[in-house]
Amino acid sequence: MNPLESVEAAEEPFALFHSWMEEATAKELNDPTAAALATANWDGAPSVRMVLVKQVDDRGFCFYTNSESRKGRELAANPRAALCFHWKSLERQVRVEGHVVELPAADADAYFHSRSRGSQLGAAVSRQSRRLESREELEKLVAERATQSPGEVERPEWWKGYAIEPERIEFWMAGEDRLHNRFVFFRKIGGWGKERLFP
């Protein structure tokens, strides 16, 4: 079954997403889990940045971050977000929109300690999104924390996991003459609905 036929035949979006992610993992030169995450503050002003989506399961699209960062503060004020995966090598995109919930602390612990020691130290000292006087200041903080934590680095309580519970998931495939193929899945009572959209 070719990619377009598989989208046309799909009745729910998660199996389709996982099959696309498998292809992206095999073909995309850069990290296929990278996605643009859009959030907005309390009055609707948007901001966007790249994040790594570390798992997609029945809870939704999961990522981890400093809850005191700009995106963390925006999610606290307005717990809705959107993601866009773009796999240039496949000429495909996936767009996700939904409500955001915090993941259990155990999930954050497990992922935090799966990262390299250097990444753990960096996350532990980063006052993400706030003013930094110099690179030297950051390196000094990392070195101090490394001395303080010769063994396991404790996950800071503000380093958390989030899941976007999808209400809409759109699958986009490039087409000739910009006649792209777009299909959107949307939640409805009892499951998912699906529509084809104009390019």
C-alpha atoms as a PDB file:
ATOM      1  CA  MET A   1       0.000   0.000   0.000  1.00  0.00           C
ATOM      2  CA  ASN A   2       1.491   3.350  -0.996  1.00  0.00           C
ATOM      3  CA  PRO A   3       1.643   6.240   1.531  1.00  0.00           C
ATOM      4  CA  LEU A   4      -1.411   8.049   0.146  1.00  0.00           C
ATOM      5  CA  GLU A   5      -3.494   4.868   0.173  1.00  0.00           C
ATOM      6  CA  SER A   6      -2.457   4.178   3.765  1.00  0.00           C
ATOM      7  CA  VAL A   7      -3.694   7.608   4.849  1.00  0.00           C
ATOM      8  CA  GLU A   8      -6.933   7.199   2.929  1.00  0.00           C
ATOM      9  CA  ALA A   9      -7.526   3.799   4.562  1.00  0.00           C
ATOM     10  CA  ALA A  10      -6.615   4.846   8.126  1.00  0.00           C
ATOM     11  CA  GLU A  11      -9.487   4.983  10.620  1.00  0.00           C
ATOM     12  CA  GLU A  12      -7.501   6.420  13.547  1.00  0.00           C
ATOM     13  CA  PRO A  13      -4.355   8.565  13.632  1.00  0.00           C
ATOM     14  CA  PHE A  14      -1.954   6.913  16.080  1.00  0.00           C
ATOM     15  CA  ALA A  15      -1.010   3.809  14.082  1.00  0.00           C
ATOM     16  CA  LEU A  16      -0.589   6.026  11.035  1.00  0.00           C
ATOM     17  CA  PHE A  17       1.644   8.431  12.972  1.00  0.00           C
ATOM     18  CA  HIS A  18       3.835   5.580  14.229  1.00  0.00           C
ATOM     19  CA  SER A  19       4.256   4.210  10.705  1.00  0.00           C
ATOM     20  CA  TRP A  20       5.275   7.659   9.446  1.00  0.00           C
ATOM     21  CA  MET A  21       7.686   8.048  12.361  1.00  0.00           C
ATOM     22  CA  GLU A  22       9.292   4.707  11.505  1.00  0.00           C
ATOM     23  CA  GLU A  23       9.884   5.925   7.944  1.00  0.00           C
ATOM     24  CA  ALA A  24      11.223   9.260   9.185  1.00  0.00           C
ATOM     25  CA  THR A  25      13.561   7.501  11.607  1.00  0.00           C
ATOM     26  CA  ALA A  26      15.014   5.540   8.693  1.00  0.00           C
ATOM     27  CA  LYS A  27      15.277   8.420   6.213  1.00  0.00           C
ATOM     28  CA  GLU A  28      15.399  11.790   7.979  1.00  0.00           C
ATOM     29  CA  LEU A  29      18.955  13.124   8.343  1.00  0.00           C
ATOM     30  CA  ASN A  30      18.216  15.145  11.455  1.00  0.00           C
ATOM     31  CA  ASP A  31      16.326  14.025  14.562  1.00  0.00           C
ATOM     32  CA  PRO A  32      12.894  12.827  13.356  1.00  0.00           C
ATOM     33  CA  THR A  33      11.381  13.430  16.802  1.00  0.00           C
ATOM     34  CA  ALA A  34      12.002  17.189  16.536  1.00  0.00           C
ATOM     35  CA  ALA A  35       8.854  19.263  16.226  1.00  0.00           C
ATOM     36  CA  ALA A  36       7.920  22.930  16.434  1.00  0.00           C
ATOM     37  CA  LEU A  37       5.926  23.532  19.619  1.00  0.00           C
ATOM     38  CA  ALA A  38       3.610  26.541  19.661  1.00  0.00           C
ATOM     39  CA  THR A  39       2.249  27.930  22.914  1.00  0.00           C
ATOM     40  CA  ALA A  40       0.481  31.155  23.833  1.00  0.00           C
ATOM     41  CA  ASN A  41       0.337  33.285  26.945  1.00  0.00           C
ATOM     42  CA  TRP A  42      -2.786  34.293  28.871  1.00  0.00           C
ATOM     43  CA  ASP A  43      -3.775  36.961  26.320  1.00  0.00           C
ATOM     44  CA  GLY A  44      -3.085  34.816  23.245  1.00  0.00           C
ATOM     45  CA  ALA A  45       0.346  36.103  22.158  1.00  0.00           C
ATOM     46  CA  PRO A  46       2.030  33.095  20.487  1.00  0.00           C
ATOM     47  CA  SER A  47       5.586  31.784  20.614  1.00  0.00           C
ATOM     48  CA  VAL A  48       7.184  28.774  18.961  1.00  0.00           C
ATOM     49  CA  ARG A  49      10.350  26.705  19.393  1.00  0.00           C
ATOM     50  CA  MET A  50      11.682  23.238  18.557  1.00  0.00           C
ATOM     51  CA  VAL A  51      11.355  20.402  21.074  1.00  0.00           C
ATOM     52  CA  LEU A  52      11.994  16.661  21.002  1.00  0.00           C
ATOM     53  CA  VAL A  53       8.851  14.553  21.289  1.00  0.00           C
ATOM     54  CA  LYS A  54      10.159  11.627  23.289  1.00  0.00           C
ATOM     55  CA  GLN A  55       7.143   9.331  23.167  1.00  0.00           C
ATOM     56  CA  VAL A  56       3.692   9.090  21.633  1.00  0.00           C
ATOM     57  CA  ASP A  57       1.268   6.834  23.458  1.00  0.00           C
ATOM     58  CA  ASP A  58      -2.315   6.759  24.684  1.00  0.00           C
ATOM     59  CA  ARG A  59      -1.614   9.852  26.806  1.00  0.00           C
ATOM     60  CA  GLY A  60      -0.616  11.881  23.755  1.00  0.00           C
ATOM     61  CA  PHE A  61       2.523  13.526  22.397  1.00  0.00           C
ATOM     62  CA  CYS A  62       5.029  13.766  25.257  1.00  0.00           C
ATOM     63  CA  PHE A  63       7.918  16.169  25.768  1.00  0.00           C
ATOM     64  CA  TYR A  64      10.002  17.420  28.708  1.00  0.00           C
ATOM     65  CA  THR A  65      11.130  20.885  29.720  1.00  0.00           C
ATOM     66  CA  ASN A  66      11.836  23.370  32.478  1.00  0.00           C
ATOM     67  CA  SER A  67       8.419  24.394  33.788  1.00  0.00           C
ATOM     68  CA  GLU A  68       9.836  27.818  34.710  1.00  0.00           C
ATOM     69  CA  SER A  69      10.888  28.509  31.096  1.00  0.00           C
ATOM     70  CA  ARG A  70       8.810  30.706  28.824  1.00  0.00           C
ATOM     71  CA  LYS A  71       6.952  27.726  27.389  1.00  0.00           C
ATOM     72  CA  GLY A  72       6.409  26.296  30.869  1.00  0.00           C
ATOM     73  CA  ARG A  73       4.947  29.571  32.107  1.00  0.00           C
ATOM     74  CA  GLU A  74       2.757  29.847  29.029  1.00  0.00           C
ATOM     75  CA  LEU A  75       1.477  26.293  29.455  1.00  0.00           C
ATOM     76  CA  ALA A  76       0.598  27.089  33.068  1.00  0.00           C
ATOM     77  CA  ALA A  77      -1.364  30.168  31.955  1.00  0.00           C
ATOM     78  CA  ASN A  78      -2.910  28.637  28.838  1.00  0.00           C
ATOM     79  CA  PRO A  79      -2.665  24.804  28.765  1.00  0.00           C
ATOM     80  CA  ARG A  80      -3.197  24.363  25.043  1.00  0.00           C
ATOM     81  CA  ALA A  81      -0.516  23.834  22.413  1.00  0.00           C
ATOM     82  CA  ALA A  82       0.216  22.796  18.847  1.00  0.00           C
ATOM     83  CA  LEU A  83       3.046  20.728  17.339  1.00  0.00           C
ATOM     84  CA  CYS A  84       4.314  20.476  13.785  1.00  0.00           C
ATOM     85  CA  PHE A  85       6.646  17.707  12.633  1.00  0.00           C
ATOM     86  CA  HIS A  86       8.292  18.411   9.265  1.00  0.00           C
ATOM     87  CA  TRP A  87      10.182  15.599   7.568  1.00  0.00           C
ATOM     88  CA  LYS A  88      11.763  17.225   4.546  1.00  0.00           C
ATOM     89  CA  SER A  89      13.233  13.976   3.225  1.00  0.00           C
ATOM     90  CA  LEU A  90       9.723  12.465   3.065  1.00  0.00           C
ATOM     91  CA  GLU A  91       7.954  15.685   2.033  1.00  0.00           C
ATOM     92  CA  ARG A  92       5.486  15.186   4.883  1.00  0.00           C
ATOM     93  CA  GLN A  93       4.196  17.053   7.898  1.00  0.00           C
ATOM     94  CA  VAL A  94       2.091  16.132  10.900  1.00  0.00           C
ATOM     95  CA  ARG A  95       0.252  18.822  12.854  1.00  0.00           C
ATOM     96  CA  VAL A  96      -1.119  18.182  16.346  1.00  0.00           C
ATOM     97  CA  GLU A  97      -3.415  20.426  18.413  1.00  0.00           C
ATOM     98  CA  GLY A  98      -4.832  19.847  21.861  1.00  0.00           C
ATOM     99  CA  HIS A  99      -4.966  20.338  25.596  1.00  0.00           C
ATOM    100  CA  VAL A 100      -1.759  19.895  27.604  1.00  0.00           C
ATOM    101  CA  VAL A 101      -1.448  17.910  30.844  1.00  0.00           C
ATOM    102  CA  GLU A 102       1.514  17.318  33.118  1.00  0.00           C
ATOM    103  CA  LEU A 103       3.005  13.819  33.155  1.00  0.00           C
ATOM    104  CA  PRO A 104       3.619  11.932  36.423  1.00  0.00           C
ATOM    105  CA  ALA A 105       6.873  12.683  38.268  1.00  0.00           C
ATOM    106  CA  ALA A 106       7.976   9.076  37.698  1.00  0.00           C
ATOM    107  CA  ASP A 107       7.981   9.657  33.930  1.00  0.00           C
ATOM    108  CA  ALA A 108      10.057  12.805  34.328  1.00  0.00           C
ATOM    109  CA  ASP A 109      12.498  10.948  36.605  1.00  0.00           C
ATOM    110  CA  ALA A 110      12.872   8.065  34.155  1.00  0.00           C
ATOM    111  CA  TYR A 111      13.529  10.272  31.144  1.00  0.00           C
ATOM    112  CA  PHE A 112      15.776  12.713  33.038  1.00  0.00           C
ATOM    113  CA  HIS A 113      18.026   9.864  34.177  1.00  0.00           C
ATOM    114  CA  SER A 114      18.106   8.317  30.700  1.00  0.00           C
ATOM    115  CA  ARG A 115      19.941  11.404  29.428  1.00  0.00           C
ATOM    116  CA  SER A 116      23.707  11.804  29.477  1.00  0.00           C
ATOM    117  CA  ARG A 117      25.275  13.105  32.690  1.00  0.00           C
ATOM    118  CA  GLY A 118      26.247  16.313  30.906  1.00  0.00           C
ATOM    119  CA  SER A 119      22.656  16.892  29.800  1.00  0.00           C
ATOM    120  CA  GLN A 120      21.409  16.242  33.323  1.00  0.00           C
ATOM    121  CA  LEU A 121      23.878  18.749  34.775  1.00  0.00           C
ATOM    122  CA  GLY A 122      22.969  21.354  32.183  1.00  0.00           C
ATOM    123  CA  ALA A 123      19.257  20.936  32.841  1.00  0.00           C
ATOM    124  CA  ALA A 124      19.794  21.093  36.611  1.00  0.00           C
ATOM    125  CA  VAL A 125      21.482  24.505  36.498  1.00  0.00           C
ATOM    126  CA  SER A 126      19.703  26.153  33.562  1.00  0.00           C
ATOM    127  CA  ARG A 127      17.377  29.012  34.409  1.00  0.00           C
ATOM    128  CA  GLN A 128      15.870  28.485  30.988  1.00  0.00           C
ATOM    129  CA  SER A 129      14.676  31.560  29.080  1.00  0.00           C
ATOM    130  CA  ARG A 130      16.106  33.966  31.665  1.00  0.00           C
ATOM    131  CA  ARG A 131      19.014  36.378  31.239  1.00  0.00           C
ATOM    132  CA  LEU A 132      22.520  34.857  31.241  1.00  0.00           C
ATOM    133  CA  GLU A 133      25.451  37.219  31.740  1.00  0.00           C
ATOM    134  CA  SER A 134      28.062  35.088  29.961  1.00  0.00           C
ATOM    135  CA  ARG A 135      28.950  31.621  28.716  1.00  0.00           C
ATOM    136  CA  GLU A 136      31.510  31.468  31.531  1.00  0.00           C
ATOM    137  CA  GLU A 137      28.742  31.859  34.114  1.00  0.00           C
ATOM    138  CA  LEU A 138      26.896  28.853  32.668  1.00  0.00           C
ATOM    139  CA  GLU A 139      30.027  26.690  32.558  1.00  0.00           C
ATOM    140  CA  LYS A 140      30.849  27.650  36.164  1.00  0.00           C
ATOM    141  CA  LEU A 141      27.373  26.599  37.325  1.00  0.00           C
ATOM    142  CA  VAL A 142      27.706  23.243  35.525  1.00  0.00           C
ATOM    143  CA  ALA A 143      31.141  22.619  37.041  1.00  0.00           C
ATOM    144  CA  GLU A 144      29.860  23.460  40.531  1.00  0.00           C
ATOM    145  CA  ARG A 145      26.889  21.121  40.177  1.00  0.00           C
ATOM    146  CA  ALA A 146      29.158  18.339  38.890  1.00  0.00           C
ATOM    147  CA  THR A 147      31.243  18.685  42.069  1.00  0.00           C
ATOM    148  CA  GLN A 148      28.134  18.760  44.274  1.00  0.00           C
ATOM    149  CA  SER A 149      26.648  15.702  42.534  1.00  0.00           C
ATOM    150  CA  PRO A 150      29.463  13.182  41.918  1.00  0.00           C
ATOM    151  CA  GLY A 151      26.899  10.388  41.596  1.00  0.00           C
ATOM    152  CA  GLU A 152      23.375  10.621  40.304  1.00  0.00           C
ATOM    153  CA  VAL A 153      22.119  14.108  39.437  1.00  0.00           C
ATOM    154  CA  GLU A 154      18.820  14.808  41.142  1.00  0.00           C
ATOM    155  CA  ARG A 155      16.033  15.896  38.819  1.00  0.00           C
ATOM    156  CA  PRO A 156      14.962  19.435  39.708  1.00  0.00           C
ATOM    157  CA  GLU A 157      11.294  19.594  40.719  1.00  0.00           C
ATOM    158  CA  TRP A 158      10.660  22.172  37.996  1.00  0.00           C
ATOM    159  CA  TRP A 159      11.942  19.879  35.216  1.00  0.00           C
ATOM    160  CA  LYS A 160       8.737  18.201  34.071  1.00  0.00           C
ATOM    161  CA  GLY A 161       7.045  16.182  31.381  1.00  0.00           C
ATOM    162  CA  TYR A 162       3.971  17.239  29.438  1.00  0.00           C
ATOM    163  CA  ALA A 163       1.590  15.509  27.055  1.00  0.00           C
ATOM    164  CA  ILE A 164      -0.499  17.128  24.368  1.00  0.00           C
ATOM    165  CA  GLU A 165      -3.808  15.268  24.344  1.00  0.00           C
ATOM    166  CA  PRO A 166      -4.656  15.605  20.658  1.00  0.00           C
ATOM    167  CA  GLU A 167      -7.996  16.911  19.502  1.00  0.00           C
ATOM    168  CA  ARG A 168      -6.854  17.305  15.882  1.00  0.00           C
ATOM    169  CA  ILE A 169      -4.047  15.538  14.007  1.00  0.00           C
ATOM    170  CA  GLU A 170      -3.392  16.521  10.407  1.00  0.00           C
ATOM    171  CA  PHE A 171      -1.300  14.483   7.965  1.00  0.00           C
ATOM    172  CA  TRP A 172       0.175  16.448   5.033  1.00  0.00           C
ATOM    173  CA  MET A 173       1.893  15.016   1.959  1.00  0.00           C
ATOM    174  CA  ALA A 174       3.462  17.099  -0.793  1.00  0.00           C
ATOM    175  CA  GLY A 175       1.795  16.896  -4.202  1.00  0.00           C
ATOM    176  CA  GLU A 176       2.746  18.025  -7.690  1.00  0.00           C
ATOM    177  CA  ASP A 177       1.888  21.627  -8.601  1.00  0.00           C
ATOM    178  CA  ARG A 178       1.294  22.248  -4.894  1.00  0.00           C
ATOM    179  CA  LEU A 179      -1.798  20.057  -4.981  1.00  0.00           C
ATOM    180  CA  HIS A 180      -0.891  18.678  -1.588  1.00  0.00           C
ATOM    181  CA  ASN A 181      -2.759  15.865   0.151  1.00  0.00           C
ATOM    182  CA  ARG A 182      -4.157  16.839   3.561  1.00  0.00           C
ATOM    183  CA  PHE A 183      -6.203  14.664   5.898  1.00  0.00           C
ATOM    184  CA  VAL A 184      -7.307  15.728   9.369  1.00  0.00           C
ATOM    185  CA  PHE A 185      -8.455  13.426  12.164  1.00  0.00           C
ATOM    186  CA  PHE A 186     -10.608  15.022  14.857  1.00  0.00           C
ATOM    187  CA  ARG A 187     -11.977  13.666  18.096  1.00  0.00           C
ATOM    188  CA  LYS A 188     -15.657  12.936  18.260  1.00  0.00           C
ATOM    189  CA  ILE A 189     -17.849  10.987  20.646  1.00  0.00           C
ATOM    190  CA  GLY A 190     -16.744   7.374  20.511  1.00  0.00           C
ATOM    191  CA  GLY A 191     -13.581   7.820  18.461  1.00  0.00           C
ATOM    192  CA  TRP A 192     -12.160   9.764  15.545  1.00  0.00           C
ATOM    193  CA  GLY A 193     -13.602  11.440  12.492  1.00  0.00           C
ATOM    194  CA  LYS A 194     -11.570  12.137   9.348  1.00  0.00           C
ATOM    195  CA  GLU A 195     -11.823  14.666   6.533  1.00  0.00           C
ATOM    196  CA  ARG A 196      -9.806  15.466   3.456  1.00  0.00           C
ATOM    197  CA  LEU A 197      -8.870  19.145   3.181  1.00  0.00           C
ATOM    198  CA  PHE A 198      -8.139  21.431   0.269  1.00  0.00           C
ATOM    199  CA  PRO A 199      -4.379  22.112  -0.112  1.00  0.00           C
END
